[in-house]
PDB file of N, CA and C in Angstrom:
ATOM      1  N   MET A   1       5.632  84.807  31.659  1.00  0.00           N
ATOM      2  CA  MET A   1       5.446  85.789  32.705  1.00  0.00           C
ATOM      3  C   MET A   1       4.998  87.094  32.044  1.00  0.00           C
ATOM      4  N   HIS A   2       4.009  87.744  32.624  1.00  0.00           N
ATOM      5  CA  HIS A   2       3.468  88.982  32.067  1.00  0.00           C
ATOM      6  C   HIS A   2       4.396  90.157  32.360  1.00  0.00           C
ATOM      7  N   GLY A   3       4.479  91.063  31.407  1.00  0.00           N
ATOM      8  CA  GLY A   3       5.251  92.282  31.573  1.00  0.00           C
ATOM      9  C   GLY A   3       4.331  93.430  31.956  1.00  0.00           C
ATOM     10  N   ILE A   4       4.748  94.212  32.957  1.00  0.00           N
ATOM     11  CA  ILE A   4       3.971  95.364  33.402  1.00  0.00           C
ATOM     12  C   ILE A   4       4.916  96.550  33.545  1.00  0.00           C
ATOM     13  N   TYR A   5       4.517  97.656  32.963  1.00  0.00           N
ATOM     14  CA  TYR A   5       5.297  98.888  33.041  1.00  0.00           C
ATOM     15  C   TYR A   5       5.328  99.394  34.487  1.00  0.00           C
ATOM     16  N   PHE A   6       6.464  99.957  34.904  1.00  0.00           N
ATOM     17  CA  PHE A   6       6.533 100.616  36.204  1.00  0.00           C
ATOM     18  C   PHE A   6       7.417 101.846  36.106  1.00  0.00           C
ATOM     19  N   ASP A   7       7.246 102.740  37.054  1.00  0.00           N
ATOM     20  CA  ASP A   7       8.031 103.968  37.126  1.00  0.00           C
ATOM     21  C   ASP A   7       8.815 103.927  38.426  1.00  0.00           C
ATOM     22  N   VAL A   8      10.138 104.014  38.335  1.00  0.00           N
ATOM     23  CA  VAL A   8      10.977 103.928  39.531  1.00  0.00           C
ATOM     24  C   VAL A   8      10.697 105.059  40.520  1.00  0.00           C
ATOM     25  N   ASN A   9      10.007 106.095  40.093  1.00  0.00           N
ATOM     26  CA  ASN A   9       9.665 107.209  40.980  1.00  0.00           C
ATOM     27  C   ASN A   9       8.352 106.991  41.730  1.00  0.00           C
ATOM     28  N   GLU A  10       7.691 105.865  41.504  1.00  0.00           N
ATOM     29  CA  GLU A  10       6.390 105.592  42.114  1.00  0.00           C
ATOM     30  C   GLU A  10       6.472 104.541  43.226  1.00  0.00           C
ATOM     31  N   GLY A  11       7.572 104.526  43.957  1.00  0.00           N
ATOM     32  CA  GLY A  11       7.741 103.579  45.053  1.00  0.00           C
ATOM     33  C   GLY A  11       7.119 104.070  46.344  1.00  0.00           C
ATOM     34  N   ASP A  12       6.855 103.144  47.250  1.00  0.00           N
ATOM     35  CA  ASP A  12       6.327 103.518  48.567  1.00  0.00           C
ATOM     36  C   ASP A  12       7.346 103.192  49.652  1.00  0.00           C
ATOM     37  N   GLU A  13       6.988 103.476  50.881  1.00  0.00           N
ATOM     38  CA  GLU A  13       7.900 103.272  52.016  1.00  0.00           C
ATOM     39  C   GLU A  13       8.215 101.798  52.266  1.00  0.00           C
ATOM     40  N   ARG A  14       7.432 100.898  51.691  1.00  0.00           N
ATOM     41  CA  ARG A  14       7.665  99.460  51.868  1.00  0.00           C
ATOM     42  C   ARG A  14       8.489  98.859  50.733  1.00  0.00           C
ATOM     43  N   GLY A  15       8.951  99.711  49.803  1.00  0.00           N
ATOM     44  CA  GLY A  15       9.751  99.221  48.689  1.00  0.00           C
ATOM     45  C   GLY A  15       8.934  98.662  47.535  1.00  0.00           C
ATOM     46  N   ARG A  16       7.634  98.890  47.572  1.00  0.00           N
ATOM     47  CA  ARG A  16       6.752  98.419  46.498  1.00  0.00           C
ATOM     48  C   ARG A  16       6.566  99.537  45.478  1.00  0.00           C
ATOM     49  N   PHE A  17       6.159  99.154  44.274  1.00  0.00           N
ATOM     50  CA  PHE A  17       5.873 100.133  43.238  1.00  0.00           C
ATOM     51  C   PHE A  17       4.393 100.114  42.905  1.00  0.00           C
ATOM     52  N   ASP A  18       3.842 101.310  42.775  1.00  0.00           N
ATOM     53  CA  ASP A  18       2.431 101.525  42.479  1.00  0.00           C
ATOM     54  C   ASP A  18       2.173 101.211  41.010  1.00  0.00           C
ATOM     55  N   LEU A  19       1.276 100.278  40.756  1.00  0.00           N
ATOM     56  CA  LEU A  19       0.926  99.916  39.389  1.00  0.00           C
ATOM     57  C   LEU A  19      -0.376 100.579  38.953  1.00  0.00           C
ATOM     58  N   GLY A  20      -0.758 101.656  39.624  1.00  0.00           N
ATOM     59  CA  GLY A  20      -1.959 102.398  39.263  1.00  0.00           C
ATOM     60  C   GLY A  20      -1.662 103.550  38.318  1.00  0.00           C
ATOM     61  N   ILE A  21      -0.539 103.488  37.614  1.00  0.00           N
ATOM     62  CA  ILE A  21      -0.157 104.539  36.674  1.00  0.00           C
ATOM     63  C   ILE A  21      -0.568 104.130  35.264  1.00  0.00           C
ATOM     64  N   PRO A  22      -0.719 105.093  34.352  1.00  0.00           N
ATOM     65  CA  PRO A  22      -1.270 104.782  33.023  1.00  0.00           C
ATOM     66  C   PRO A  22      -0.603 103.629  32.280  1.00  0.00           C
ATOM     67  N   GLY A  23       0.706 103.585  32.171  1.00  0.00           N
ATOM     68  CA  GLY A  23       1.363 102.497  31.431  1.00  0.00           C
ATOM     69  C   GLY A  23       1.109 101.138  32.055  1.00  0.00           C
ATOM     70  N   ALA A  24       1.155 101.084  33.384  1.00  0.00           N
ATOM     71  CA  ALA A  24       0.906  99.822  34.085  1.00  0.00           C
ATOM     72  C   ALA A  24      -0.550  99.395  33.921  1.00  0.00           C
ATOM     73  N   LEU A  25      -1.468 100.350  34.017  1.00  0.00           N
ATOM     74  CA  LEU A  25      -2.891 100.011  33.875  1.00  0.00           C
ATOM     75  C   LEU A  25      -3.194  99.438  32.491  1.00  0.00           C
ATOM     76  N   ARG A  26      -2.527  99.945  31.471  1.00  0.00           N
ATOM     77  CA  ARG A  26      -2.706  99.407  30.115  1.00  0.00           C
ATOM     78  C   ARG A  26      -2.303  97.936  30.084  1.00  0.00           C
ATOM     79  N   ASP A  27      -1.133  97.624  30.671  1.00  0.00           N
ATOM     80  CA  ASP A  27      -0.659  96.241  30.686  1.00  0.00           C
ATOM     81  C   ASP A  27      -1.548  95.357  31.554  1.00  0.00           C
ATOM     82  N   ILE A  28      -1.988  95.874  32.693  1.00  0.00           N
ATOM     83  CA  ILE A  28      -2.848  95.117  33.607  1.00  0.00           C
ATOM     84  C   ILE A  28      -4.187  94.811  32.956  1.00  0.00           C
ATOM     85  N   ASP A  29      -4.753  95.786  32.252  1.00  0.00           N
ATOM     86  CA  ASP A  29      -6.058  95.574  31.609  1.00  0.00           C
ATOM     87  C   ASP A  29      -6.025  94.390  30.648  1.00  0.00           C
ATOM     88  N   ALA A  30      -4.889  94.177  30.000  1.00  0.00           N
ATOM     89  CA  ALA A  30      -4.771  93.080  29.027  1.00  0.00           C
ATOM     90  C   ALA A  30      -4.781  91.701  29.684  1.00  0.00           C
ATOM     91  N   VAL A  31      -4.426  91.637  30.985  1.00  0.00           N
ATOM     92  CA  VAL A  31      -4.312  90.335  31.666  1.00  0.00           C
ATOM     93  C   VAL A  31      -5.024  90.310  33.019  1.00  0.00           C
ATOM     94  N   ARG A  32      -5.881  91.277  33.259  1.00  0.00           N
ATOM     95  CA  ARG A  32      -6.530  91.450  34.565  1.00  0.00           C
ATOM     96  C   ARG A  32      -7.119  90.153  35.121  1.00  0.00           C
ATOM     97  N   SER A  33      -7.770  89.365  34.304  1.00  0.00           N
ATOM     98  CA  SER A  33      -8.422  88.147  34.793  1.00  0.00           C
ATOM     99  C   SER A  33      -7.424  87.085  35.257  1.00  0.00           C
ATOM    100  N   GLU A  34      -6.151  87.217  34.875  1.00  0.00           N
ATOM    101  CA  GLU A  34      -5.134  86.236  35.233  1.00  0.00           C
ATOM    102  C   GLU A  34      -4.339  86.617  36.484  1.00  0.00           C
ATOM    103  N   LEU A  35      -4.441  87.875  36.931  1.00  0.00           N
ATOM    104  CA  LEU A  35      -3.616  88.346  38.039  1.00  0.00           C
ATOM    105  C   LEU A  35      -4.108  87.819  39.380  1.00  0.00           C
ATOM    106  N   THR A  36      -3.154  87.416  40.218  1.00  0.00           N
ATOM    107  CA  THR A  36      -3.460  86.938  41.564  1.00  0.00           C
ATOM    108  C   THR A  36      -2.383  87.440  42.515  1.00  0.00           C
ATOM    109  N   ASP A  37      -2.747  87.588  43.779  1.00  0.00           N
ATOM    110  CA  ASP A  37      -1.764  87.955  44.793  1.00  0.00           C
ATOM    111  C   ASP A  37      -0.646  86.920  44.805  1.00  0.00           C
ATOM    112  N   GLY A  38       0.587  87.401  44.867  1.00  0.00           N
ATOM    113  CA  GLY A  38       1.740  86.513  44.911  1.00  0.00           C
ATOM    114  C   GLY A  38       2.277  86.097  43.546  1.00  0.00           C
ATOM    115  N   MET A  39       1.603  86.514  42.495  1.00  0.00           N
ATOM    116  CA  MET A  39       2.019  86.171  41.143  1.00  0.00           C
ATOM    117  C   MET A  39       3.318  86.904  40.795  1.00  0.00           C
ATOM    118  N   HIS A  40       4.188  86.220  40.049  1.00  0.00           N
ATOM    119  CA  HIS A  40       5.424  86.848  39.571  1.00  0.00           C
ATOM    120  C   HIS A  40       5.177  87.446  38.193  1.00  0.00           C
ATOM    121  N   VAL A  41       5.681  88.667  38.002  1.00  0.00           N
ATOM    122  CA  VAL A  41       5.588  89.374  36.729  1.00  0.00           C
ATOM    123  C   VAL A  41       6.962  89.972  36.422  1.00  0.00           C
ATOM    124  N   ILE A  42       7.109  90.491  35.226  1.00  0.00           N
ATOM    125  CA  ILE A  42       8.308  91.236  34.860  1.00  0.00           C
ATOM    126  C   ILE A  42       7.929  92.709  34.796  1.00  0.00           C
ATOM    127  N   LEU A  43       8.600  93.524  35.595  1.00  0.00           N
ATOM    128  CA  LEU A  43       8.419  94.973  35.513  1.00  0.00           C
ATOM    129  C   LEU A  43       9.424  95.511  34.511  1.00  0.00           C
ATOM    130  N   TYR A  44       8.992  96.470  33.701  1.00  0.00           N
ATOM    131  CA  TYR A  44       9.920  97.106  32.766  1.00  0.00           C
ATOM    132  C   TYR A  44       9.723  98.612  32.832  1.00  0.00           C
ATOM    133  N   ASP A  45      10.803  99.335  32.574  1.00  0.00           N
ATOM    134  CA  ASP A  45      10.799 100.784  32.646  1.00  0.00           C
ATOM    135  C   ASP A  45      11.460 101.336  31.399  1.00  0.00           C
ATOM    136  N   ASN A  46      10.662 101.837  30.471  1.00  0.00           N
ATOM    137  CA  ASN A  46      11.181 102.445  29.245  1.00  0.00           C
ATOM    138  C   ASN A  46      12.162 101.540  28.509  1.00  0.00           C
ATOM    139  N   GLU A  47      11.996 100.254  28.646  1.00  0.00           N
ATOM    140  CA  GLU A  47      12.805  99.241  27.968  1.00  0.00           C
ATOM    141  C   GLU A  47      14.288  99.312  28.333  1.00  0.00           C
ATOM    142  N   GLU A  48      14.640  99.973  29.433  1.00  0.00           N
ATOM    143  CA  GLU A  48      16.026 100.014  29.899  1.00  0.00           C
ATOM    144  C   GLU A  48      16.254  99.066  31.070  1.00  0.00           C
ATOM    145  N   VAL A  49      15.210  98.838  31.861  1.00  0.00           N
ATOM    146  CA  VAL A  49      15.316  97.996  33.052  1.00  0.00           C
ATOM    147  C   VAL A  49      14.206  96.962  33.033  1.00  0.00           C
ATOM    148  N   GLU A  50      14.555  95.738  33.379  1.00  0.00           N
ATOM    149  CA  GLU A  50      13.568  94.685  33.612  1.00  0.00           C
ATOM    150  C   GLU A  50      13.927  94.026  34.929  1.00  0.00           C
ATOM    151  N   VAL A  51      12.899  93.737  35.719  1.00  0.00           N
ATOM    152  CA  VAL A  51      13.121  93.070  36.995  1.00  0.00           C
ATOM    153  C   VAL A  51      11.889  92.226  37.326  1.00  0.00           C
ATOM    154  N   GLU A  52      12.137  91.035  37.815  1.00  0.00           N
ATOM    155  CA  GLU A  52      11.025  90.188  38.254  1.00  0.00           C
ATOM    156  C   GLU A  52      10.461  90.783  39.537  1.00  0.00           C
ATOM    157  N   ALA A  53       9.151  90.655  39.717  1.00  0.00           N
ATOM    158  CA  ALA A  53       8.497  91.209  40.903  1.00  0.00           C
ATOM    159  C   ALA A  53       7.329  90.327  41.308  1.00  0.00           C
ATOM    160  N   VAL A  54       6.929  90.467  42.547  1.00  0.00           N
ATOM    161  CA  VAL A  54       5.751  89.788  43.085  1.00  0.00           C
ATOM    162  C   VAL A  54       4.674  90.854  43.255  1.00  0.00           C
ATOM    163  N   ILE A  55       3.473  90.578  42.755  1.00  0.00           N
ATOM    164  CA  ILE A  55       2.403  91.564  42.859  1.00  0.00           C
ATOM    165  C   ILE A  55       1.429  91.207  43.978  1.00  0.00           C
ATOM    166  N   GLU A  56       0.788  92.249  44.476  1.00  0.00           N
ATOM    167  CA  GLU A  56      -0.278  92.073  45.467  1.00  0.00           C
ATOM    168  C   GLU A  56      -1.296  93.179  45.258  1.00  0.00           C
ATOM    169  N   PHE A  57      -2.554  92.860  45.521  1.00  0.00           N
ATOM    170  CA  PHE A  57      -3.588  93.882  45.429  1.00  0.00           C
ATOM    171  C   PHE A  57      -3.699  94.542  46.788  1.00  0.00           C
ATOM    172  N   ASP A  58      -3.471  95.844  46.829  1.00  0.00           N
ATOM    173  CA  ASP A  58      -3.527  96.612  48.072  1.00  0.00           C
ATOM    174  C   ASP A  58      -4.956  97.113  48.263  1.00  0.00           C
ATOM    175  N   GLN A  59      -5.653  96.535  49.220  1.00  0.00           N
ATOM    176  CA  GLN A  59      -7.051  96.896  49.479  1.00  0.00           C
ATOM    177  C   GLN A  59      -7.193  98.353  49.911  1.00  0.00           C
ATOM    178  N   GLU A  60      -6.233  98.850  50.674  1.00  0.00           N
ATOM    179  CA  GLU A  60      -6.296 100.232  51.161  1.00  0.00           C
ATOM    180  C   GLU A  60      -6.303 101.234  50.008  1.00  0.00           C
ATOM    181  N   TYR A  61      -5.447 100.996  49.012  1.00  0.00           N
ATOM    182  CA  TYR A  61      -5.343 101.913  47.883  1.00  0.00           C
ATOM    183  C   TYR A  61      -6.158 101.482  46.669  1.00  0.00           C
ATOM    184  N   GLY A  62      -6.656 100.253  46.685  1.00  0.00           N
ATOM    185  CA  GLY A  62      -7.482  99.762  45.592  1.00  0.00           C
ATOM    186  C   GLY A  62      -6.735  99.584  44.284  1.00  0.00           C
ATOM    187  N   ARG A  63      -5.463  99.156  44.386  1.00  0.00           N
ATOM    188  CA  ARG A  63      -4.671  98.956  43.172  1.00  0.00           C
ATOM    189  C   ARG A  63      -3.591  97.911  43.400  1.00  0.00           C
ATOM    190  N   TRP A  64      -3.041  97.449  42.288  1.00  0.00           N
ATOM    191  CA  TRP A  64      -1.964  96.478  42.345  1.00  0.00           C
ATOM    192  C   TRP A  64      -0.666  97.182  42.703  1.00  0.00           C
ATOM    193  N   MET A  65       0.142  96.500  43.508  1.00  0.00           N
ATOM    194  CA  MET A  65       1.467  96.964  43.892  1.00  0.00           C
ATOM    195  C   MET A  65       2.444  95.842  43.553  1.00  0.00           C
ATOM    196  N   ALA A  66       3.697  96.211  43.291  1.00  0.00           N
ATOM    197  CA  ALA A  66       4.708  95.220  42.925  1.00  0.00           C
ATOM    198  C   ALA A  66       5.941  95.374  43.799  1.00  0.00           C
ATOM    199  N   SER A  67       6.433  94.258  44.299  1.00  0.00           N
ATOM    200  CA  SER A  67       7.668  94.211  45.091  1.00  0.00           C
ATOM    201  C   SER A  67       8.751  93.566  44.236  1.00  0.00           C
ATOM    202  N   PRO A  68       9.708  94.370  43.770  1.00  0.00           N
ATOM    203  CA  PRO A  68      10.762  93.833  42.903  1.00  0.00           C
ATOM    204  C   PRO A  68      11.682  92.849  43.614  1.00  0.00           C
ATOM    205  N   LEU A  69      12.155  91.895  42.864  1.00  0.00           N
ATOM    206  CA  LEU A  69      13.186  90.958  43.304  1.00  0.00           C
ATOM    207  C   LEU A  69      14.471  91.470  42.663  1.00  0.00           C
ATOM    208  N   TRP A  70      15.137  92.390  43.356  1.00  0.00           N
ATOM    209  CA  TRP A  70      16.244  93.138  42.766  1.00  0.00           C
ATOM    210  C   TRP A  70      17.396  92.257  42.292  1.00  0.00           C
ATOM    211  N   ASN A  71      17.515  91.060  42.807  1.00  0.00           N
ATOM    212  CA  ASN A  71      18.592  90.182  42.343  1.00  0.00           C
ATOM    213  C   ASN A  71      18.352  89.674  40.921  1.00  0.00           C
ATOM    214  N   THR A  72      17.184  89.980  40.325  1.00  0.00           N
ATOM    215  CA  THR A  72      16.874  89.546  38.964  1.00  0.00           C
ATOM    216  C   THR A  72      16.974  90.685  37.960  1.00  0.00           C
ATOM    217  N   ILE A  73      17.438  91.854  38.369  1.00  0.00           N
ATOM    218  CA  ILE A  73      17.435  93.023  37.490  1.00  0.00           C
ATOM    219  C   ILE A  73      18.323  92.839  36.265  1.00  0.00           C
ATOM    220  N   LYS A  74      17.815  93.321  35.140  1.00  0.00           N
ATOM    221  CA  LYS A  74      18.563  93.322  33.873  1.00  0.00           C
ATOM    222  C   LYS A  74      18.478  94.741  33.311  1.00  0.00           C
ATOM    223  N   ARG A  75      19.618  95.270  32.948  1.00  0.00           N
ATOM    224  CA  ARG A  75      19.670  96.611  32.358  1.00  0.00           C
ATOM    225  C   ARG A  75      20.108  96.487  30.901  1.00  0.00           C
ATOM    226  N   SER A  76      19.427  97.169  30.004  1.00  0.00           N
ATOM    227  CA  SER A  76      19.740  97.063  28.586  1.00  0.00           C
ATOM    228  C   SER A  76      21.063  97.734  28.232  1.00  0.00           C
ATOM    229  N   TYR A  77      21.547  98.612  29.076  1.00  0.00           N
ATOM    230  CA  TYR A  77      22.779  99.333  28.769  1.00  0.00           C
ATOM    231  C   TYR A  77      24.013  98.693  29.400  1.00  0.00           C
ATOM    232  N   GLU A  78      23.874  97.547  30.046  1.00  0.00           N
ATOM    233  CA  GLU A  78      25.035  96.859  30.636  1.00  0.00           C
ATOM    234  C   GLU A  78      25.749  96.019  29.607  1.00  0.00           C
TER     235      GLU A  78
END
């Protein structure tokens, strides 16, 4: 499963996270040809949090968005 950086402050009203930020774009660029709507990825935030998520390409905003599966969250400080 591919890892993609996310920022917990970049959420939207639907509970998705915007992957159009610099760290996420770096990770996406490395695997862009493999990404598909509905694909599961691992979101990570400064190596403290990891959570599985489902990605979708948002046509309105022209970028990938991720919906975390919060029951899969892992925290490095637990």
